[in-house]
C-alpha atoms as a PDB file:
ATOM      1  CA  MET A   1     -25.708  33.644  -6.992  1.00  0.00           C
ATOM      2  CA  GLY A   2     -22.654  31.310  -7.202  1.00  0.00           C
ATOM      3  CA  ARG A   3     -22.651  27.553  -6.670  1.00  0.00           C
ATOM      4  CA  ARG A   4     -21.953  26.376  -3.158  1.00  0.00           C
ATOM      5  CA  TYR A   5     -19.319  23.799  -2.695  1.00  0.00           C
ATOM      6  CA  ARG A   6     -19.405  21.406   0.260  1.00  0.00           C
ATOM      7  CA  PHE A   7     -16.181  20.440   1.938  1.00  0.00           C
ATOM      8  CA  GLY A   8     -15.766  17.844   4.601  1.00  0.00           C
ATOM      9  CA  LEU A   9     -15.194  14.191   5.291  1.00  0.00           C
ATOM     10  CA  LYS A  10     -17.369  11.291   4.445  1.00  0.00           C
ATOM     11  CA  THR A  11     -17.749   8.322   6.615  1.00  0.00           C
ATOM     12  CA  ALA A  12     -17.256   5.015   4.836  1.00  0.00           C
ATOM     13  CA  SER A  13     -20.236   2.706   4.781  1.00  0.00           C
ATOM     14  CA  ARG A  14     -19.939  -0.794   6.223  1.00  0.00           C
ATOM     15  CA  LYS A  15     -19.693  -2.317   2.724  1.00  0.00           C
ATOM     16  CA  GLU A  16     -16.872   0.107   1.746  1.00  0.00           C
ATOM     17  CA  GLU A  17     -15.107  -0.585   5.092  1.00  0.00           C
ATOM     18  CA  ARG A  18     -15.297  -4.347   4.495  1.00  0.00           C
ATOM     19  CA  ASP A  19     -13.981  -3.834   0.992  1.00  0.00           C
ATOM     20  CA  ILE A  20     -10.976  -1.781   2.169  1.00  0.00           C
ATOM     21  CA  LEU A  21     -10.190  -4.337   4.907  1.00  0.00           C
ATOM     22  CA  ARG A  22     -10.385  -7.169   2.363  1.00  0.00           C
ATOM     23  CA  ARG A  23      -7.960  -5.377   0.061  1.00  0.00           C
ATOM     24  CA  VAL A  24      -5.629  -4.684   2.960  1.00  0.00           C
ATOM     25  CA  GLU A  25      -5.519  -8.329   3.878  1.00  0.00           C
ATOM     26  CA  ALA A  26      -4.768  -9.366   0.277  1.00  0.00           C
ATOM     27  CA  LEU A  27      -1.924  -6.809   0.206  1.00  0.00           C
ATOM     28  CA  ARG A  28      -0.604  -8.067   3.544  1.00  0.00           C
ATOM     29  CA  GLU A  29      -0.357 -11.560   2.109  1.00  0.00           C
ATOM     30  CA  ASP A  30       1.145 -10.562  -1.248  1.00  0.00           C
ATOM     31  CA  PRO A  31       2.569  -7.019  -1.463  1.00  0.00           C
ATOM     32  CA  GLY A  32       3.522  -7.729  -5.084  1.00  0.00           C
ATOM     33  CA  LEU A  33      -0.034  -6.873  -5.999  1.00  0.00           C
ATOM     34  CA  LEU A  34       1.018  -3.217  -5.852  1.00  0.00           C
ATOM     35  CA  ILE A  35       3.562  -3.664  -8.667  1.00  0.00           C
ATOM     36  CA  PRO A  36       2.093  -3.248 -12.180  1.00  0.00           C
ATOM     37  CA  GLU A  37       2.304  -6.038 -14.642  1.00  0.00           C
ATOM     38  CA  CYS A  38       4.687  -5.172 -17.460  1.00  0.00           C
ATOM     39  CA  ILE A  39       5.272  -6.654 -20.859  1.00  0.00           C
ATOM     40  CA  HIS A  40       8.457  -6.952 -22.982  1.00  0.00           C
ATOM     41  CA  GLY A  41      10.861  -7.124 -20.021  1.00  0.00           C
ATOM     42  CA  ALA A  42       9.922  -3.880 -18.436  1.00  0.00           C
ATOM     43  CA  HIS A  43       9.272  -5.595 -15.065  1.00  0.00           C
ATOM     44  CA  ARG A  44      12.995  -4.885 -14.292  1.00  0.00           C
ATOM     45  CA  ILE A  45      11.980  -1.249 -13.600  1.00  0.00           C
ATOM     46  CA  PHE A  46      10.097  -2.215 -10.476  1.00  0.00           C
ATOM     47  CA  ARG A  47      12.424  -4.971  -9.145  1.00  0.00           C
ATOM     48  CA  ARG A  48      13.905  -2.740  -6.420  1.00  0.00           C
ATOM     49  CA  GLU A  49      10.407  -1.575  -5.199  1.00  0.00           C
ATOM     50  CA  GLU A  50       9.078  -5.105  -5.129  1.00  0.00           C
ATOM     51  CA  ARG A  51      12.168  -6.291  -3.128  1.00  0.00           C
ATOM     52  CA  ALA A  52      11.623  -3.480  -0.624  1.00  0.00           C
ATOM     53  CA  LEU A  53       7.868  -4.300  -0.234  1.00  0.00           C
ATOM     54  CA  ARG A  54       8.607  -7.970   0.359  1.00  0.00           C
ATOM     55  CA  ARG A  55      11.307  -7.170   2.935  1.00  0.00           C
ATOM     56  CA  VAL A  56       8.844  -4.913   4.846  1.00  0.00           C
ATOM     57  CA  ALA A  57       6.084  -7.536   4.489  1.00  0.00           C
ATOM     58  CA  SER A  58       8.385 -10.110   6.075  1.00  0.00           C
ATOM     59  CA  LEU A  59       8.735  -7.822   9.121  1.00  0.00           C
ATOM     60  CA  ALA A  60       4.998  -7.498   9.611  1.00  0.00           C
ATOM     61  CA  ASP A  61       4.918  -9.554  12.827  1.00  0.00           C
ATOM     62  CA  ASP A  62       7.669  -7.631  14.656  1.00  0.00           C
ATOM     63  CA  GLN A  63       6.626  -4.086  15.642  1.00  0.00           C
ATOM     64  CA  LYS A  64      10.165  -3.021  16.698  1.00  0.00           C
ATOM     65  CA  SER A  65      11.658  -4.153  13.393  1.00  0.00           C
ATOM     66  CA  LEU A  66       8.964  -2.259  11.466  1.00  0.00           C
ATOM     67  CA  GLU A  67       9.760   0.923  13.355  1.00  0.00           C
ATOM     68  CA  ARG A  68      13.393   0.489  12.596  1.00  0.00           C
ATOM     69  CA  ALA A  69      12.746  -0.172   8.903  1.00  0.00           C
ATOM     70  CA  SER A  70      10.494   2.862   8.637  1.00  0.00           C
ATOM     71  CA  ARG A  71      13.445   5.121   9.499  1.00  0.00           C
ATOM     72  CA  ARG A  72      15.730   3.669   6.756  1.00  0.00           C
ATOM     73  CA  GLY A  73      15.802   4.610   3.176  1.00  0.00           C
ATOM     74  CA  PRO A  74      13.320   6.546   1.101  1.00  0.00           C
ATOM     75  CA  PRO A  75       9.602   6.304   2.070  1.00  0.00           C
ATOM     76  CA  LEU A  76       7.694   3.609   0.155  1.00  0.00           C
ATOM     77  CA  ALA A  77       4.501   5.656   0.043  1.00  0.00           C
END
């Protein structure tokens, strides 16, 4: 008889949930953490993405501005 595979969702434990929230807070304060560190001048590749992330992060307090920004340009994620 074949092997049974289980499909479904897993609920995050409290520890995992706290870890996720801690990471989200860190990203909210410094979105540049998403940009990889490059050597030999390759950081220029990600300059546009970093600028877009910082612009969106500056709008974090204004819901209406965030909605407007979400309709412009290519999606960040």
